[in-house]
Amino acid sequence: MEPLRDDDIRASFVNCSKGEARRISLPRGLADLPWADLDFLGWRDPGAPDRGYLVAERDGRLTGVTLRVPQGGPRSLAKTTMCSLCLTAHPGSGVSLLAARRVGVSGREGNTVGAYMCADLACPLYVRGKKAPVMTMRYKESLSLDERLERMRVNVDQFLDKVFQEH
């Protein structure tokens, strides 16, 4: 991914108002992120732990979505859960259900789409082995790095497709 500017990131959001996009807390050290290792930019807001953001290239343009952690009971810390985007397994709270409001009328009516994702939204770094989940057992895959990256990109595209669905 090419380095992104604040204005480009804020202009990419499709499921919130322009005012909400202006108020989003962007990741600290934006210029210092490992851009060459990112297939999408994902981050959680440290000031609002129930919020996350994902910005990816879709159909040749940047597309950003705001994400929320739905209210619910505490998750088991003894359970291992797998991210639906990168298929990285994490123990405990390493994976969160994140929900994005759909675009258009459907979103204004309160409809959302959710997926279990790495809680820190660092999927590209997990796939590349630049960041390791905290766990005692790692799953071995026979797919090459390029195949795993392509699978993750397809999964992100499919999630974004659901955000754009009107029903």
Protein backbone atom coordinates (compact mmCIF):
# COMPACT_ATOMS: atom_id res chain seq x y z
CA MET A 1 0.00 0.00 0.00
CA GLU A 2 1.24 3.49 -0.81
CA PRO A 3 1.50 5.91 2.13
CA LEU A 4 -1.77 7.74 2.73
CA ARG A 5 -2.36 11.33 3.81
CA ASP A 6 -4.82 12.40 6.50
CA ASP A 7 -7.14 14.03 3.95
CA ASP A 8 -7.16 10.97 1.69
CA ILE A 9 -8.04 8.70 4.60
CA ARG A 10 -10.85 10.97 5.85
CA ALA A 11 -12.30 11.36 2.33
CA SER A 12 -12.41 7.57 1.85
CA PHE A 13 -15.08 6.80 4.46
CA VAL A 14 -18.34 5.60 2.93
CA ASN A 15 -20.47 4.69 5.94
CA CYS A 16 -20.32 7.85 8.03
CA SER A 17 -20.94 11.54 7.55
CA LYS A 18 -18.18 13.94 6.49
CA GLY A 19 -18.35 15.49 9.98
CA GLU A 20 -17.84 12.09 11.60
CA ALA A 21 -14.93 11.39 9.23
CA ARG A 22 -13.28 14.69 10.25
CA ARG A 23 -13.48 13.67 13.93
CA ILE A 24 -11.90 10.22 13.47
CA SER A 25 -8.70 9.75 15.45
CA LEU A 26 -6.14 8.66 12.88
CA PRO A 27 -3.36 6.28 13.88
CA ARG A 28 -0.39 7.84 15.63
CA GLY A 29 2.80 7.94 13.59
CA LEU A 30 0.96 7.66 10.28
CA ALA A 31 4.08 8.56 8.27
CA ASP A 32 6.09 5.87 10.06
CA LEU A 33 3.73 2.94 9.41
CA PRO A 34 5.21 -0.03 7.50
CA TRP A 35 3.32 0.90 4.32
CA ALA A 36 5.12 -1.68 2.15
CA ASP A 37 3.71 -4.42 4.42
CA LEU A 38 0.13 -3.13 4.47
CA ASP A 39 -2.53 -4.37 2.09
CA PHE A 40 -5.04 -2.26 3.98
CA LEU A 41 -4.86 0.22 6.81
CA GLY A 42 -6.69 -0.88 9.93
CA TRP A 43 -6.63 0.59 13.43
CA ARG A 44 -8.58 0.87 16.65
CA ASP A 45 -9.22 4.21 18.33
CA PRO A 46 -7.36 4.20 21.68
CA GLY A 47 -9.71 6.90 22.99
CA ALA A 48 -12.82 4.91 22.04
CA PRO A 49 -12.07 1.18 22.36
CA ASP A 50 -15.40 0.22 20.76
CA ARG A 51 -14.36 1.84 17.44
CA GLY A 52 -12.16 0.63 14.63
CA TYR A 53 -11.44 1.70 11.07
CA LEU A 54 -10.47 -0.09 7.88
CA VAL A 55 -9.24 1.64 4.70
CA ALA A 56 -8.53 -0.43 1.58
CA GLU A 57 -8.27 0.06 -2.13
CA ARG A 58 -11.46 -1.13 -3.82
CA ASP A 59 -12.14 -0.84 -7.54
CA GLY A 60 -9.15 1.48 -7.93
CA ARG A 61 -10.08 3.93 -5.17
CA LEU A 62 -9.72 4.16 -1.42
CA THR A 63 -12.67 2.91 0.58
CA GLY A 64 -12.85 3.42 4.32
CA VAL A 65 -15.39 2.00 6.74
CA THR A 66 -16.01 2.74 10.37
CA LEU A 67 -16.35 -0.31 12.60
CA ARG A 68 -17.95 -0.81 16.00
CA VAL A 69 -17.62 -3.53 18.60
CA PRO A 70 -21.23 -4.53 19.36
CA GLN A 71 -22.24 -4.54 23.01
CA GLY A 72 -22.14 -7.99 24.51
CA GLY A 73 -20.86 -10.08 27.31
CA PRO A 74 -17.20 -10.78 27.97
CA ARG A 75 -15.50 -13.35 25.77
CA SER A 76 -13.78 -16.42 27.11
CA LEU A 77 -10.08 -15.86 27.59
CA ALA A 78 -9.48 -19.62 27.30
CA LYS A 79 -10.96 -19.86 23.80
CA THR A 80 -9.02 -19.51 20.52
CA THR A 81 -10.80 -17.61 17.74
CA MET A 82 -9.85 -17.13 14.10
CA CYS A 83 -9.96 -13.88 12.13
CA SER A 84 -12.26 -14.15 9.09
CA LEU A 85 -10.01 -11.84 7.03
CA CYS A 86 -6.51 -13.28 7.47
CA LEU A 87 -7.33 -16.61 9.19
CA THR A 88 -4.93 -15.92 12.05
CA ALA A 89 -5.88 -17.71 15.27
CA HIS A 90 -5.74 -15.68 18.48
CA PRO A 91 -6.40 -16.66 22.08
CA GLY A 92 -8.84 -14.76 24.26
CA SER A 93 -9.66 -11.27 23.10
CA GLY A 94 -7.30 -11.25 20.07
CA VAL A 95 -10.29 -11.46 17.73
CA SER A 96 -13.32 -9.16 17.99
CA LEU A 97 -16.66 -9.03 16.28
CA LEU A 98 -16.55 -5.73 14.37
CA ALA A 99 -19.65 -4.35 12.67
CA ALA A 100 -19.84 -1.78 9.88
CA ARG A 101 -22.94 0.23 9.12
CA ARG A 102 -24.06 -0.44 5.55
CA VAL A 103 -24.00 2.42 3.08
CA GLY A 104 -27.09 4.22 1.77
CA VAL A 105 -30.66 3.80 2.95
CA SER A 106 -29.93 0.41 4.48
CA GLY A 107 -27.26 1.91 6.74
CA ARG A 108 -29.47 4.86 7.69
CA GLU A 109 -32.07 2.31 8.78
CA GLY A 110 -29.48 0.85 11.16
CA ASN A 111 -28.43 -2.22 9.16
CA THR A 112 -24.91 -3.46 9.73
CA VAL A 113 -22.64 -6.26 8.60
CA GLY A 114 -20.17 -7.85 10.96
CA ALA A 115 -17.16 -10.13 10.88
CA TYR A 116 -14.71 -11.55 13.35
CA MET A 117 -11.41 -9.74 12.77
CA CYS A 118 -8.04 -9.40 14.47
CA ALA A 119 -8.85 -7.04 17.33
CA ASP A 120 -5.94 -4.74 16.40
CA LEU A 121 -6.75 -4.93 12.65
CA ALA A 122 -3.10 -5.80 11.90
CA CYS A 123 -3.99 -8.68 9.56
CA PRO A 124 -1.38 -7.85 6.88
CA LEU A 125 1.38 -7.95 9.50
CA TYR A 126 0.18 -11.30 10.89
CA VAL A 127 0.04 -12.87 7.41
CA ARG A 128 3.57 -11.65 6.64
CA GLY A 129 4.92 -12.87 9.99
CA LYS A 130 5.88 -9.30 11.00
CA LYS A 131 3.65 -9.58 14.05
CA ALA A 132 2.86 -12.75 15.96
CA PRO A 133 -0.31 -13.56 17.85
CA VAL A 134 0.13 -14.46 21.49
CA MET A 135 -0.43 -18.18 21.46
CA THR A 136 1.31 -21.39 22.26
CA MET A 137 0.31 -23.22 19.06
CA ARG A 138 0.64 -21.93 15.49
CA TYR A 139 -1.24 -23.43 12.60
CA LYS A 140 0.90 -24.42 9.62
CA GLU A 141 -0.46 -23.69 6.15
CA SER A 142 0.60 -25.16 2.84
CA LEU A 143 -0.29 -21.95 0.96
CA SER A 144 2.51 -19.62 -0.08
CA LEU A 145 2.76 -16.11 1.33
CA ASP A 146 1.39 -14.67 -1.94
CA GLU A 147 -1.59 -17.05 -1.81
CA ARG A 148 -2.33 -16.15 1.82
CA LEU A 149 -2.10 -12.43 1.01
CA GLU A 150 -4.46 -12.87 -1.96
CA ARG A 151 -6.92 -14.81 0.24
CA MET A 152 -6.87 -11.97 2.78
CA ARG A 153 -7.43 -9.34 0.06
CA VAL A 154 -10.38 -11.35 -1.31
CA ASN A 155 -11.85 -11.64 2.20
CA VAL A 156 -11.52 -7.87 2.73
CA ASP A 157 -13.17 -7.23 -0.67
CA GLN A 158 -16.03 -9.59 0.20
CA PHE A 159 -16.56 -7.82 3.53
CA LEU A 160 -16.62 -4.43 1.78
CA ASP A 161 -19.04 -5.81 -0.83
CA LYS A 162 -21.44 -6.64 2.04
CA VAL A 163 -21.11 -3.08 3.39
CA PHE A 164 -22.23 -1.79 -0.03
CA GLN A 165 -25.22 -4.18 -0.29
CA GLU A 166 -28.51 -2.36 0.14
CA HIS A 167 -30.36 -5.16 1.95
